[in-house]
Amino acid sequence: MNDLTIKFKIWLETEDKSGILGDGKWKLLKTINETGSLKAAMKQHGLTYRKTWDNLNKIEEIFGFPIINRQRGGKEGGKTELTPQGRAIVTAFDKFHAKYDPILSQALEETLIEIKRQLP
């Protein structure tokens, strides 16, 4: 039982408990921002095209503003970039994780130690 770990995730959800945006989509948006490519970001995270588009469209619909700008391929190829609002979302998640991950990790480690004490 020494190989047990304890993890956490955060996400935004609607009043009806429908998930909108969490760590997975934050990481996708970060990768889009870094690569300038939705296709490369999806490949890096092992995501499918249809589901990714549906998720991004759902986020934009609920928030009421675009989070990515899409430019179709052509002579210079396509590109995808975050809007200012999309970058702000990434920054907010970045700040949260930088500030709270160490605190939560410590608390979760203490919880795991307590759980392991109860195991045979």
Protein backbone atom coordinates (compact mmCIF):
# COMPACT_ATOMS: atom_id res chain seq x y z
CA MET A 1 0.00 0.00 0.00
CA ASN A 2 3.03 2.30 -0.04
CA ASP A 3 2.33 3.16 -3.68
CA LEU A 4 -0.85 5.08 -2.82
CA THR A 5 -1.02 8.76 -3.69
CA ILE A 6 -3.71 11.33 -3.17
CA LYS A 7 -4.53 13.92 -5.87
CA PHE A 8 -6.84 16.86 -6.41
CA LYS A 9 -8.40 18.76 -9.30
CA ILE A 10 -10.30 22.01 -9.49
CA TRP A 11 -12.99 23.01 -11.96
CA LEU A 12 -15.78 25.46 -12.62
CA GLU A 13 -19.30 24.12 -12.95
CA THR A 14 -22.77 25.45 -13.53
CA GLU A 15 -25.54 25.44 -10.95
CA ASP A 16 -26.77 22.14 -12.40
CA LYS A 17 -23.33 20.59 -11.72
CA SER A 18 -22.25 20.56 -15.37
CA GLY A 19 -18.46 20.90 -15.56
CA ILE A 20 -17.22 23.75 -17.74
CA LEU A 21 -13.55 24.36 -17.19
CA GLY A 22 -11.00 22.55 -15.08
CA ASP A 23 -7.39 21.52 -14.97
CA GLY A 24 -7.56 19.48 -18.18
CA LYS A 25 -8.99 22.31 -20.27
CA TRP A 26 -6.61 24.77 -18.56
CA LYS A 27 -3.68 22.61 -19.66
CA LEU A 28 -5.12 22.44 -23.19
CA LEU A 29 -5.46 26.24 -23.32
CA LYS A 30 -1.90 26.65 -22.01
CA THR A 31 -0.62 24.34 -24.75
CA ILE A 32 -2.59 26.21 -27.43
CA ASN A 33 -1.03 29.42 -26.13
CA GLU A 34 2.46 27.89 -26.23
CA THR A 35 2.20 26.15 -29.63
CA GLY A 36 -0.21 28.40 -31.53
CA SER A 37 -1.90 25.22 -32.70
CA LEU A 38 -5.09 23.54 -31.57
CA LYS A 39 -4.08 20.40 -33.47
CA ALA A 40 -0.69 20.20 -31.72
CA ALA A 41 -2.32 20.83 -28.33
CA MET A 42 -4.91 18.10 -28.88
CA LYS A 43 -2.21 15.66 -29.98
CA GLN A 44 -0.05 16.46 -26.94
CA HIS A 45 -2.96 15.82 -24.58
CA GLY A 46 -4.42 12.84 -26.47
CA LEU A 47 -7.72 14.56 -27.21
CA THR A 48 -10.15 14.03 -30.07
CA TYR A 49 -11.09 16.81 -32.47
CA ARG A 50 -14.90 16.69 -32.08
CA LYS A 51 -14.93 16.51 -28.28
CA THR A 52 -12.34 19.29 -27.98
CA TRP A 53 -14.34 21.61 -30.25
CA ASP A 54 -17.52 20.81 -28.35
CA ASN A 55 -15.81 21.61 -25.04
CA LEU A 56 -14.32 24.88 -26.29
CA ASN A 57 -17.63 25.96 -27.81
CA LYS A 58 -19.43 25.11 -24.53
CA ILE A 59 -16.97 27.25 -22.54
CA GLU A 60 -17.42 30.17 -24.92
CA GLU A 61 -21.21 29.82 -24.92
CA ILE A 62 -21.46 29.77 -21.12
CA PHE A 63 -18.94 32.57 -20.57
CA GLY A 64 -20.43 34.68 -23.36
CA PHE A 65 -17.10 35.53 -25.04
CA PRO A 66 -14.55 33.82 -27.26
CA ILE A 67 -11.51 32.27 -25.59
CA ILE A 68 -9.67 31.30 -28.77
CA ASN A 69 -9.18 32.87 -32.19
CA ARG A 70 -9.08 30.40 -35.05
CA GLN A 71 -7.39 31.04 -38.38
CA ARG A 72 -7.96 28.36 -41.00
CA GLY A 73 -5.11 26.98 -43.03
CA GLY A 74 -3.94 28.61 -46.19
CA LYS A 75 -0.66 29.67 -47.67
CA GLU A 76 0.96 30.05 -44.25
CA GLY A 77 -1.13 27.37 -42.53
CA GLY A 78 -3.70 27.73 -39.82
CA LYS A 79 -3.15 28.88 -36.30
CA THR A 80 -5.05 29.13 -33.07
CA GLU A 81 -4.37 31.69 -30.38
CA LEU A 82 -6.01 32.64 -27.13
CA THR A 83 -8.05 35.80 -26.88
CA PRO A 84 -7.20 38.21 -24.06
CA GLN A 85 -10.00 36.57 -22.06
CA GLY A 86 -8.57 33.11 -22.78
CA ARG A 87 -5.13 34.24 -21.61
CA ALA A 88 -6.71 35.73 -18.48
CA ILE A 89 -8.33 32.37 -17.68
CA VAL A 90 -4.98 30.59 -18.09
CA THR A 91 -3.30 33.20 -15.89
CA ALA A 92 -5.97 32.79 -13.18
CA PHE A 93 -5.47 29.00 -13.10
CA ASP A 94 -1.67 29.48 -13.14
CA LYS A 95 -1.87 31.80 -10.13
CA PHE A 96 -4.20 29.47 -8.26
CA HIS A 97 -1.92 26.48 -8.76
CA ALA A 98 1.24 28.42 -7.91
CA LYS A 99 -0.30 29.66 -4.67
CA TYR A 100 -2.37 26.69 -3.50
CA ASP A 101 -0.76 23.52 -4.90
CA PRO A 102 1.96 23.46 -2.22
CA ILE A 103 -0.60 24.00 0.55
CA LEU A 104 -3.04 21.41 -0.80
CA SER A 105 -0.26 18.91 -1.52
CA GLN A 106 0.94 19.14 2.09
CA ALA A 107 -2.60 18.74 3.46
CA LEU A 108 -3.27 15.79 1.16
CA GLU A 109 0.02 14.14 2.12
CA GLU A 110 -0.93 14.45 5.80
CA THR A 111 -4.32 12.93 4.99
CA LEU A 112 -2.69 10.05 3.13
CA ILE A 113 -0.36 9.36 6.07
CA GLU A 114 -3.40 9.21 8.34
CA ILE A 115 -5.19 6.85 5.95
CA LYS A 116 -2.13 4.58 5.70
CA ARG A 117 -2.01 4.35 9.49
CA GLN A 118 -5.45 2.75 9.37
CA LEU A 119 -4.50 0.16 6.75
CA PRO A 120 -3.38 -3.34 7.74
